[in-house]
């Protein structure tokens, strides 16, 4: 079972890098992370075995974390989000513009 922080991060990684996964991998990990479905429920929907679902989700998670380790878009977005909390108004608006471009 994943903790809340990992679940949130994984959801963000899916948003950023999800289109690089196969359609089936993306659908399964979305069901698992966003819809809180069990492996058995996903297996039934996909007409495959539970171990096959577990394997696909593990591989999808691994790919998402690999993309992040190379591209660091999630990290950048997180750092920019923190910078929005600065006091200077010019700084805030510039950072918000950058965030919207990501």
PDB file of N, CA and C in Angstrom:
ATOM      1  N   UNK A   1       0.843  -1.201   0.000  1.00  0.00           N
ATOM      2  CA  UNK A   1       0.000   0.000   0.000  1.00  0.00           C
ATOM      3  C   UNK A   1       0.877   1.250   0.000  1.00  0.00           C
ATOM      4  N   UNK A   2       0.435   2.247  -0.744  1.00  0.00           N
ATOM      5  CA  UNK A   2       1.204   3.491  -0.845  1.00  0.00           C
ATOM      6  C   UNK A   2       0.723   4.488   0.203  1.00  0.00           C
ATOM      7  N   UNK A   3       1.657   5.328   0.667  1.00  0.00           N
ATOM      8  CA  UNK A   3       1.235   6.389   1.567  1.00  0.00           C
ATOM      9  C   UNK A   3       0.684   7.550   0.741  1.00  0.00           C
ATOM     10  N   UNK A   4       0.081   8.504   1.411  1.00  0.00           N
ATOM     11  CA  UNK A   4      -0.592   9.609   0.720  1.00  0.00           C
ATOM     12  C   UNK A   4       0.381  10.435  -0.108  1.00  0.00           C
ATOM     13  N   UNK A   5       1.568  10.728   0.454  1.00  0.00           N
ATOM     14  CA  UNK A   5       2.550  11.537  -0.271  1.00  0.00           C
ATOM     15  C   UNK A   5       2.988  10.854  -1.560  1.00  0.00           C
ATOM     16  N   UNK A   6       3.253   9.544  -1.479  1.00  0.00           N
ATOM     17  CA  UNK A   6       3.672   8.799  -2.666  1.00  0.00           C
ATOM     18  C   UNK A   6       2.550   8.777  -3.702  1.00  0.00           C
ATOM     19  N   UNK A   7       1.330   8.619  -3.221  1.00  0.00           N
ATOM     20  CA  UNK A   7       0.165   8.598  -4.111  1.00  0.00           C
ATOM     21  C   UNK A   7       0.013   9.936  -4.847  1.00  0.00           C
ATOM     22  N   UNK A   8       0.192  11.032  -4.121  1.00  0.00           N
ATOM     23  CA  UNK A   8       0.093  12.363  -4.728  1.00  0.00           C
ATOM     24  C   UNK A   8       1.207  12.560  -5.746  1.00  0.00           C
ATOM     25  N   UNK A   9       2.436  12.192  -5.364  1.00  0.00           N
ATOM     26  CA  UNK A   9       3.563  12.341  -6.288  1.00  0.00           C
ATOM     27  C   UNK A   9       3.357  11.493  -7.538  1.00  0.00           C
ATOM     28  N   UNK A  10       2.913  10.266  -7.350  1.00  0.00           N
ATOM     29  CA  UNK A  10       2.679   9.379  -8.489  1.00  0.00           C
ATOM     30  C   UNK A  10       1.597   9.950  -9.407  1.00  0.00           C
ATOM     31  N   UNK A  11       0.554  10.515  -8.823  1.00  0.00           N
ATOM     32  CA  UNK A  11      -0.497  11.158  -9.616  1.00  0.00           C
ATOM     33  C   UNK A  11       0.062  12.297 -10.459  1.00  0.00           C
ATOM     34  N   UNK A  12       0.955  13.080  -9.870  1.00  0.00           N
ATOM     35  CA  UNK A  12       1.602  14.180 -10.604  1.00  0.00           C
ATOM     36  C   UNK A  12       2.501  13.642 -11.709  1.00  0.00           C
ATOM     37  N   UNK A  13       3.252  12.578 -11.408  1.00  0.00           N
ATOM     38  CA  UNK A  13       4.125  11.985 -12.423  1.00  0.00           C
ATOM     39  C   UNK A  13       3.307  11.432 -13.594  1.00  0.00           C
ATOM     40  N   UNK A  14       2.144  10.866 -13.292  1.00  0.00           N
ATOM     41  CA  UNK A  14       1.260  10.379 -14.362  1.00  0.00           C
ATOM     42  C   UNK A  14       0.792  11.555 -15.216  1.00  0.00           C
ATOM     43  N   UNK A  15       0.435  12.669 -14.569  1.00  0.00           N
ATOM     44  CA  UNK A  15       0.014  13.863 -15.311  1.00  0.00           C
ATOM     45  C   UNK A  15       1.117  14.346 -16.246  1.00  0.00           C
ATOM     46  N   UNK A  16       2.350  14.334 -15.756  1.00  0.00           N
ATOM     47  CA  UNK A  16       3.474  14.873 -16.528  1.00  0.00           C
ATOM     48  C   UNK A  16       3.952  13.890 -17.604  1.00  0.00           C
ATOM     49  N   UNK A  17       4.135  12.624 -17.210  1.00  0.00           N
ATOM     50  CA  UNK A  17       4.791  11.654 -18.098  1.00  0.00           C
ATOM     51  C   UNK A  17       3.883  10.525 -18.586  1.00  0.00           C
ATOM     52  N   UNK A  18       2.629  10.526 -18.187  1.00  0.00           N
ATOM     53  CA  UNK A  18       1.725   9.413 -18.472  1.00  0.00           C
ATOM     54  C   UNK A  18       1.590   9.052 -19.941  1.00  0.00           C
ATOM     55  N   UNK A  19       1.698  10.042 -20.811  1.00  0.00           N
ATOM     56  CA  UNK A  19       1.551   9.765 -22.242  1.00  0.00           C
ATOM     57  C   UNK A  19       2.726   8.971 -22.814  1.00  0.00           C
ATOM     58  N   UNK A  20       3.797   8.831 -22.054  1.00  0.00           N
ATOM     59  CA  UNK A  20       4.933   8.023 -22.490  1.00  0.00           C
ATOM     60  C   UNK A  20       4.760   6.542 -22.142  1.00  0.00           C
ATOM     61  N   UNK A  21       3.728   6.227 -21.374  1.00  0.00           N
ATOM     62  CA  UNK A  21       3.421   4.841 -21.043  1.00  0.00           C
ATOM     63  C   UNK A  21       2.541   4.261 -22.149  1.00  0.00           C
ATOM     64  N   UNK A  22       2.476   2.924 -22.209  1.00  0.00           N
ATOM     65  CA  UNK A  22       1.516   2.320 -23.138  1.00  0.00           C
ATOM     66  C   UNK A  22       0.118   2.672 -22.619  1.00  0.00           C
ATOM     67  N   UNK A  23      -0.850   2.655 -23.502  1.00  0.00           N
ATOM     68  CA  UNK A  23      -2.218   3.002 -23.122  1.00  0.00           C
ATOM     69  C   UNK A  23      -2.717   2.084 -22.002  1.00  0.00           C
ATOM     70  N   UNK A  24      -2.406   0.787 -22.114  1.00  0.00           N
ATOM     71  CA  UNK A  24      -2.849  -0.160 -21.094  1.00  0.00           C
ATOM     72  C   UNK A  24      -2.173   0.126 -19.747  1.00  0.00           C
ATOM     73  N   UNK A  25      -0.856   0.404 -19.769  1.00  0.00           N
ATOM     74  CA  UNK A  25      -0.146   0.734 -18.524  1.00  0.00           C
ATOM     75  C   UNK A  25      -0.744   1.990 -17.891  1.00  0.00           C
ATOM     76  N   UNK A  26      -0.978   2.995 -18.717  1.00  0.00           N
ATOM     77  CA  UNK A  26      -1.524   4.258 -18.203  1.00  0.00           C
ATOM     78  C   UNK A  26      -2.906   4.036 -17.588  1.00  0.00           C
ATOM     79  N   UNK A  27      -3.751   3.304 -18.289  1.00  0.00           N
ATOM     80  CA  UNK A  27      -5.096   3.037 -17.759  1.00  0.00           C
ATOM     81  C   UNK A  27      -5.042   2.289 -16.436  1.00  0.00           C
ATOM     82  N   UNK A  28      -4.172   1.275 -16.355  1.00  0.00           N
ATOM     83  CA  UNK A  28      -4.093   0.483 -15.125  1.00  0.00           C
ATOM     84  C   UNK A  28      -3.559   1.296 -13.955  1.00  0.00           C
ATOM     85  N   UNK A  29      -2.509   2.088 -14.195  1.00  0.00           N
ATOM     86  CA  UNK A  29      -1.938   2.858 -13.079  1.00  0.00           C
ATOM     87  C   UNK A  29      -2.886   3.981 -12.655  1.00  0.00           C
ATOM     88  N   UNK A  30      -3.639   4.534 -13.606  1.00  0.00           N
ATOM     89  CA  UNK A  30      -4.656   5.535 -13.254  1.00  0.00           C
ATOM     90  C   UNK A  30      -5.750   4.917 -12.388  1.00  0.00           C
ATOM     91  N   UNK A  31      -6.191   3.719 -12.761  1.00  0.00           N
ATOM     92  CA  UNK A  31      -7.208   3.029 -11.956  1.00  0.00           C
ATOM     93  C   UNK A  31      -6.684   2.755 -10.554  1.00  0.00           C
ATOM     94  N   UNK A  32      -5.433   2.355 -10.459  1.00  0.00           N
ATOM     95  CA  UNK A  32      -4.817   2.004  -9.180  1.00  0.00           C
ATOM     96  C   UNK A  32      -4.589   3.236  -8.309  1.00  0.00           C
ATOM     97  N   UNK A  33      -4.044   4.301  -8.906  1.00  0.00           N
ATOM     98  CA  UNK A  33      -3.665   5.494  -8.134  1.00  0.00           C
ATOM     99  C   UNK A  33      -4.849   6.440  -7.936  1.00  0.00           C
ATOM    100  N   UNK A  34      -5.512   6.829  -9.016  1.00  0.00           N
ATOM    101  CA  UNK A  34      -6.565   7.848  -8.926  1.00  0.00           C
ATOM    102  C   UNK A  34      -7.920   7.289  -8.505  1.00  0.00           C
ATOM    103  N   UNK A  35      -8.234   6.075  -8.956  1.00  0.00           N
ATOM    104  CA  UNK A  35      -9.559   5.507  -8.661  1.00  0.00           C
ATOM    105  C   UNK A  35      -9.535   4.534  -7.494  1.00  0.00           C
ATOM    106  N   UNK A  36      -8.339   4.317  -6.922  1.00  0.00           N
ATOM    107  CA  UNK A  36      -8.173   3.460  -5.740  1.00  0.00           C
ATOM    108  C   UNK A  36      -8.758   2.067  -5.946  1.00  0.00           C
ATOM    109  N   UNK A  37      -8.602   1.536  -7.175  1.00  0.00           N
ATOM    110  CA  UNK A  37      -9.098   0.191  -7.460  1.00  0.00           C
ATOM    111  C   UNK A  37      -8.075  -0.846  -7.000  1.00  0.00           C
ATOM    112  N   UNK A  38      -8.561  -2.024  -6.648  1.00  0.00           N
ATOM    113  CA  UNK A  38      -7.659  -3.112  -6.254  1.00  0.00           C
ATOM    114  C   UNK A  38      -7.075  -3.767  -7.505  1.00  0.00           C
ATOM    115  N   UNK A  39      -6.002  -4.511  -7.306  1.00  0.00           N
ATOM    116  CA  UNK A  39      -5.395  -5.236  -8.422  1.00  0.00           C
ATOM    117  C   UNK A  39      -6.399  -6.219  -9.024  1.00  0.00           C
ATOM    118  N   UNK A  40      -7.195  -6.849  -8.171  1.00  0.00           N
ATOM    119  CA  UNK A  40      -8.194  -7.812  -8.645  1.00  0.00           C
ATOM    120  C   UNK A  40      -9.265  -7.137  -9.501  1.00  0.00           C
ATOM    121  N   UNK A  41      -9.710  -5.949  -9.069  1.00  0.00           N
ATOM    122  CA  UNK A  41     -10.710  -5.208  -9.858  1.00  0.00           C
ATOM    123  C   UNK A  41     -10.155  -4.825 -11.225  1.00  0.00           C
ATOM    124  N   UNK A  42      -8.906  -4.368 -11.236  1.00  0.00           N
ATOM    125  CA  UNK A  42      -8.280  -3.976 -12.506  1.00  0.00           C
ATOM    126  C   UNK A  42      -8.112  -5.203 -13.398  1.00  0.00           C
ATOM    127  N   UNK A  43      -7.687  -6.315 -12.809  1.00  0.00           N
ATOM    128  CA  UNK A  43      -7.500  -7.558 -13.567  1.00  0.00           C
ATOM    129  C   UNK A  43      -8.810  -7.991 -14.218  1.00  0.00           C
ATOM    130  N   UNK A  44      -9.890  -7.879 -13.468  1.00  0.00           N
ATOM    131  CA  UNK A  44     -11.199  -8.256 -13.996  1.00  0.00           C
ATOM    132  C   UNK A  44     -11.593  -7.351 -15.172  1.00  0.00           C
ATOM    133  N   UNK A  45     -11.368  -6.050 -15.016  1.00  0.00           N
ATOM    134  CA  UNK A  45     -11.696  -5.083 -16.082  1.00  0.00           C
ATOM    135  C   UNK A  45     -10.850  -5.294 -17.334  1.00  0.00           C
ATOM    136  N   UNK A  46      -9.580  -5.621 -17.136  1.00  0.00           N
ATOM    137  CA  UNK A  46      -8.645  -5.764 -18.258  1.00  0.00           C
ATOM    138  C   UNK A  46      -8.631  -7.183 -18.836  1.00  0.00           C
ATOM    139  N   UNK A  47      -9.324  -8.113 -18.149  1.00  0.00           N
ATOM    140  CA  UNK A  47      -9.367  -9.522 -18.576  1.00  0.00           C
ATOM    141  C   UNK A  47      -7.967 -10.149 -18.599  1.00  0.00           C
ATOM    142  N   UNK A  48      -7.182  -9.813 -17.566  1.00  0.00           N
ATOM    143  CA  UNK A  48      -5.855 -10.411 -17.409  1.00  0.00           C
ATOM    144  C   UNK A  48      -5.691 -10.844 -15.955  1.00  0.00           C
ATOM    145  N   UNK A  49      -4.609 -11.549 -15.653  1.00  0.00           N
ATOM    146  CA  UNK A  49      -4.407 -12.047 -14.287  1.00  0.00           C
ATOM    147  C   UNK A  49      -3.968 -10.920 -13.351  1.00  0.00           C
ATOM    148  N   UNK A  50      -4.208 -11.162 -12.062  1.00  0.00           N
ATOM    149  CA  UNK A  50      -3.791 -10.196 -11.044  1.00  0.00           C
ATOM    150  C   UNK A  50      -2.277  -9.987 -11.057  1.00  0.00           C
ATOM    151  N   UNK A  51      -1.460 -11.074 -11.167  1.00  0.00           N
ATOM    152  CA  UNK A  51       0.000 -10.876 -11.246  1.00  0.00           C
ATOM    153  C   UNK A  51       0.420 -10.044 -12.466  1.00  0.00           C
ATOM    154  N   UNK A  52      -0.312 -10.176 -13.574  1.00  0.00           N
ATOM    155  CA  UNK A  52       0.003  -9.386 -14.769  1.00  0.00           C
ATOM    156  C   UNK A  52      -0.272  -7.904 -14.521  1.00  0.00           C
ATOM    157  N   UNK A  53      -1.330  -7.616 -13.770  1.00  0.00           N
ATOM    158  CA  UNK A  53      -1.648  -6.222 -13.414  1.00  0.00           C
ATOM    159  C   UNK A  53      -0.556  -5.665 -12.510  1.00  0.00           C
ATOM    160  N   UNK A  54      -0.182  -6.443 -11.493  1.00  0.00           N
ATOM    161  CA  UNK A  54       0.873  -6.010 -10.570  1.00  0.00           C
ATOM    162  C   UNK A  54       2.164  -5.709 -11.329  1.00  0.00           C
ATOM    163  N   UNK A  55       2.529  -6.580 -12.250  1.00  0.00           N
ATOM    164  CA  UNK A  55       3.736  -6.404 -13.056  1.00  0.00           C
ATOM    165  C   UNK A  55       3.643  -5.133 -13.906  1.00  0.00           C
ATOM    166  N   UNK A  56       2.501  -4.920 -14.544  1.00  0.00           N
ATOM    167  CA  UNK A  56       2.318  -3.742 -15.394  1.00  0.00           C
ATOM    168  C   UNK A  56       2.393  -2.456 -14.577  1.00  0.00           C
ATOM    169  N   UNK A  57       1.800  -2.455 -13.400  1.00  0.00           N
ATOM    170  CA  UNK A  57       1.825  -1.264 -12.541  1.00  0.00           C
ATOM    171  C   UNK A  57       3.242  -1.006 -12.031  1.00  0.00           C
ATOM    172  N   UNK A  58       3.957  -2.073 -11.643  1.00  0.00           N
ATOM    173  CA  UNK A  58       5.353  -1.908 -11.193  1.00  0.00           C
ATOM    174  C   UNK A  58       6.209  -1.319 -12.310  1.00  0.00           C
ATOM    175  N   UNK A  59       6.045  -1.843 -13.522  1.00  0.00           N
ATOM    176  CA  UNK A  59       6.819  -1.334 -14.658  1.00  0.00           C
ATOM    177  C   UNK A  59       6.453   0.107 -14.978  1.00  0.00           C
ATOM    178  N   UNK A  60       5.177   0.441 -14.897  1.00  0.00           N
ATOM    179  CA  UNK A  60       4.738   1.815 -15.159  1.00  0.00           C
ATOM    180  C   UNK A  60       5.332   2.772 -14.122  1.00  0.00           C
ATOM    181  N   UNK A  61       5.278   2.380 -12.840  1.00  0.00           N
ATOM    182  CA  UNK A  61       5.864   3.216 -11.785  1.00  0.00           C
ATOM    183  C   UNK A  61       7.353   3.416 -12.024  1.00  0.00           C
ATOM    184  N   UNK A  62       8.033   2.322 -12.380  1.00  0.00           N
ATOM    185  CA  UNK A  62       9.472   2.400 -12.635  1.00  0.00           C
ATOM    186  C   UNK A  62       9.761   3.364 -13.783  1.00  0.00           C
ATOM    187  N   UNK A  63       8.991   3.287 -14.858  1.00  0.00           N
ATOM    188  CA  UNK A  63       9.185   4.192 -15.997  1.00  0.00           C
ATOM    189  C   UNK A  63       8.948   5.638 -15.592  1.00  0.00           C
ATOM    190  N   UNK A  64       7.884   5.890 -14.833  1.00  0.00           N
ATOM    191  CA  UNK A  64       7.575   7.260 -14.406  1.00  0.00           C
ATOM    192  C   UNK A  64       8.717   7.841 -13.572  1.00  0.00           C
ATOM    193  N   UNK A  65       9.241   7.040 -12.634  1.00  0.00           N
ATOM    194  CA  UNK A  65      10.348   7.514 -11.798  1.00  0.00           C
ATOM    195  C   UNK A  65      11.636   7.678 -12.603  1.00  0.00           C
ATOM    196  N   UNK A  66      11.836   6.848 -13.619  1.00  0.00           N
ATOM    197  CA  UNK A  66      13.001   7.005 -14.500  1.00  0.00           C
ATOM    198  C   UNK A  66      12.906   8.314 -15.288  1.00  0.00           C
ATOM    199  N   UNK A  67      11.720   8.597 -15.834  1.00  0.00           N
ATOM    200  CA  UNK A  67      11.536   9.863 -16.552  1.00  0.00           C
ATOM    201  C   UNK A  67      11.836  11.038 -15.634  1.00  0.00           C
ATOM    202  N   UNK A  68      11.332  10.977 -14.409  1.00  0.00           N
ATOM    203  CA  UNK A  68      11.546  12.068 -13.466  1.00  0.00           C
ATOM    204  C   UNK A  68      13.024  12.212 -13.117  1.00  0.00           C
ATOM    205  N   UNK A  69      13.737  11.099 -12.954  1.00  0.00           N
ATOM    206  CA  UNK A  69      15.157  11.194 -12.588  1.00  0.00           C
ATOM    207  C   UNK A  69      15.973  11.836 -13.706  1.00  0.00           C
ATOM    208  N   UNK A  70      15.514  11.683 -14.948  1.00  0.00           N
ATOM    209  CA  UNK A  70      16.233  12.265 -16.082  1.00  0.00           C
ATOM    210  C   UNK A  70      15.774  13.684 -16.407  1.00  0.00           C
ATOM    211  N   UNK A  71      14.466  13.916 -16.368  1.00  0.00           N
ATOM    212  CA  UNK A  71      13.923  15.207 -16.820  1.00  0.00           C
ATOM    213  C   UNK A  71      13.637  16.192 -15.688  1.00  0.00           C
ATOM    214  N   UNK A  72      13.328  15.690 -14.515  1.00  0.00           N
ATOM    215  CA  UNK A  72      13.120  16.489 -13.297  1.00  0.00           C
ATOM    216  C   UNK A  72      12.043  17.559 -13.413  1.00  0.00           C
ATOM    217  N   UNK A  73      11.015  17.302 -14.197  1.00  0.00           N
ATOM    218  CA  UNK A  73       9.938  18.281 -14.353  1.00  0.00           C
ATOM    219  C   UNK A  73       9.091  18.412 -13.093  1.00  0.00           C
ATOM    220  N   UNK A  74       8.853  17.293 -12.414  1.00  0.00           N
ATOM    221  CA  UNK A  74       8.089  17.337 -11.162  1.00  0.00           C
ATOM    222  C   UNK A  74       8.837  18.157 -10.115  1.00  0.00           C
ATOM    223  N   UNK A  75      10.145  17.905 -10.017  1.00  0.00           N
ATOM    224  CA  UNK A  75      10.971  18.648  -9.052  1.00  0.00           C
ATOM    225  C   UNK A  75      10.947  20.144  -9.370  1.00  0.00           C
ATOM    226  N   UNK A  76      11.111  20.484 -10.638  1.00  0.00           N
ATOM    227  CA  UNK A  76      11.096  21.879 -11.057  1.00  0.00           C
ATOM    228  C   UNK A  76       9.763  22.529 -10.736  1.00  0.00           C
ATOM    229  N   UNK A  77       8.698  21.822 -11.056  1.00  0.00           N
ATOM    230  CA  UNK A  77       7.361  22.366 -10.786  1.00  0.00           C
ATOM    231  C   UNK A  77       7.156  22.572  -9.280  1.00  0.00           C
ATOM    232  N   UNK A  78       7.629  21.628  -8.470  1.00  0.00           N
ATOM    233  CA  UNK A  78       7.514  21.752  -7.007  1.00  0.00           C
ATOM    234  C   UNK A  78       8.286  22.953  -6.492  1.00  0.00           C
ATOM    235  N   UNK A  79       9.514  23.122  -7.000  1.00  0.00           N
ATOM    236  CA  UNK A  79      10.345  24.252  -6.560  1.00  0.00           C
ATOM    237  C   UNK A  79       9.727  25.578  -6.983  1.00  0.00           C
ATOM    238  N   UNK A  80       9.183  25.632  -8.177  1.00  0.00           N
ATOM    239  CA  UNK A  80       8.532  26.858  -8.632  1.00  0.00           C
ATOM    240  C   UNK A  80       7.279  27.154  -7.809  1.00  0.00           C
ATOM    241  N   UNK A  81       6.552  26.105  -7.460  1.00  0.00           N
ATOM    242  CA  UNK A  81       5.349  26.287  -6.632  1.00  0.00           C
ATOM    243  C   UNK A  81       5.713  26.896  -5.281  1.00  0.00           C
ATOM    244  N   UNK A  82       6.829  26.430  -4.701  1.00  0.00           N
ATOM    245  CA  UNK A  82       7.299  26.991  -3.425  1.00  0.00           C
ATOM    246  C   UNK A  82       7.702  28.450  -3.596  1.00  0.00           C
ATOM    247  N   UNK A  83       8.323  28.770  -4.730  1.00  0.00           N
ATOM    248  CA  UNK A  83       8.783  30.141  -4.974  1.00  0.00           C
ATOM    249  C   UNK A  83       7.625  31.120  -5.106  1.00  0.00           C
ATOM    250  N   UNK A  84       6.463  30.625  -5.471  1.00  0.00           N
ATOM    251  CA  UNK A  84       5.287  31.496  -5.591  1.00  0.00           C
ATOM    252  C   UNK A  84       4.968  32.128  -4.239  1.00  0.00           C
ATOM    253  N   UNK A  85       5.390  31.505  -3.167  1.00  0.00           N
ATOM    254  CA  UNK A  85       5.105  32.024  -1.827  1.00  0.00           C
ATOM    255  C   UNK A  85       6.020  33.178  -1.413  1.00  0.00           C
ATOM    256  N   UNK A  86       6.908  33.642  -2.298  1.00  0.00           N
ATOM    257  CA  UNK A  86       7.776  34.765  -1.947  1.00  0.00           C
ATOM    258  C   UNK A  86       6.939  36.039  -1.804  1.00  0.00           C
ATOM    259  N   UNK A  87       7.503  37.068  -1.183  1.00  0.00           N
ATOM    260  CA  UNK A  87       6.748  38.283  -0.870  1.00  0.00           C
ATOM    261  C   UNK A  87       6.653  39.262  -2.032  1.00  0.00           C
ATOM    262  N   UNK A  88       7.662  39.297  -2.886  1.00  0.00           N
ATOM    263  CA  UNK A  88       7.697  40.259  -3.979  1.00  0.00           C
ATOM    264  C   UNK A  88       6.642  39.924  -5.038  1.00  0.00           C
ATOM    265  N   UNK A  89       5.782  40.879  -5.379  1.00  0.00           N
ATOM    266  CA  UNK A  89       4.680  40.639  -6.318  1.00  0.00           C
ATOM    267  C   UNK A  89       5.173  40.335  -7.732  1.00  0.00           C
ATOM    268  N   UNK A  90       6.238  41.022  -8.183  1.00  0.00           N
ATOM    269  CA  UNK A  90       6.803  40.759  -9.511  1.00  0.00           C
ATOM    270  C   UNK A  90       7.300  39.316  -9.592  1.00  0.00           C
ATOM    271  N   UNK A  91       7.970  38.895  -8.539  1.00  0.00           N
ATOM    272  CA  UNK A  91       8.489  37.529  -8.457  1.00  0.00           C
ATOM    273  C   UNK A  91       7.347  36.533  -8.568  1.00  0.00           C
ATOM    274  N   UNK A  92       6.288  36.773  -7.827  1.00  0.00           N
ATOM    275  CA  UNK A  92       5.144  35.865  -7.840  1.00  0.00           C
ATOM    276  C   UNK A  92       4.528  35.743  -9.221  1.00  0.00           C
ATOM    277  N   UNK A  93       4.309  36.859  -9.882  1.00  0.00           N
ATOM    278  CA  UNK A  93       3.647  36.789 -11.187  1.00  0.00           C
ATOM    279  C   UNK A  93       4.536  36.113 -12.225  1.00  0.00           C
ATOM    280  N   UNK A  94       5.841  36.351 -12.170  1.00  0.00           N
ATOM    281  CA  UNK A  94       6.770  35.718 -13.107  1.00  0.00           C
ATOM    282  C   UNK A  94       6.797  34.202 -12.895  1.00  0.00           C
ATOM    283  N   UNK A  95       6.853  33.794 -11.636  1.00  0.00           N
ATOM    284  CA  UNK A  95       6.887  32.368 -11.332  1.00  0.00           C
ATOM    285  C   UNK A  95       5.575  31.707 -11.757  1.00  0.00           C
ATOM    286  N   UNK A  96       4.453  32.383 -11.542  1.00  0.00           N
ATOM    287  CA  UNK A  96       3.159  31.829 -11.961  1.00  0.00           C
ATOM    288  C   UNK A  96       3.120  31.639 -13.470  1.00  0.00           C
ATOM    289  N   UNK A  97       3.672  32.591 -14.209  1.00  0.00           N
ATOM    290  CA  UNK A  97       3.748  32.451 -15.670  1.00  0.00           C
ATOM    291  C   UNK A  97       4.563  31.223 -16.060  1.00  0.00           C
ATOM    292  N   UNK A  98       5.705  31.042 -15.404  1.00  0.00           N
ATOM    293  CA  UNK A  98       6.553  29.880 -15.684  1.00  0.00           C
ATOM    294  C   UNK A  98       5.830  28.566 -15.371  1.00  0.00           C
ATOM    295  N   UNK A  99       5.112  28.548 -14.248  1.00  0.00           N
ATOM    296  CA  UNK A  99       4.374  27.346 -13.860  1.00  0.00           C
ATOM    297  C   UNK A  99       3.324  26.985 -14.918  1.00  0.00           C
ATOM    298  N   UNK A 100       2.668  27.975 -15.449  1.00  0.00           N
ATOM    299  CA  UNK A 100       1.627  27.726 -16.451  1.00  0.00           C
ATOM    300  C   UNK A 100       2.208  27.185 -17.743  1.00  0.00           C
ATOM    301  N   UNK A 101       3.469  27.522 -18.023  1.00  0.00           N
ATOM    302  CA  UNK A 101       4.122  27.034 -19.247  1.00  0.00           C
ATOM    303  C   UNK A 101       4.543  25.576 -19.140  1.00  0.00           C
ATOM    304  N   UNK A 102       4.730  25.104 -17.911  1.00  0.00           N
ATOM    305  CA  UNK A 102       5.210  23.723 -17.710  1.00  0.00           C
ATOM    306  C   UNK A 102       4.086  22.744 -18.004  1.00  0.00           C
TER     307      UNK A 102
END
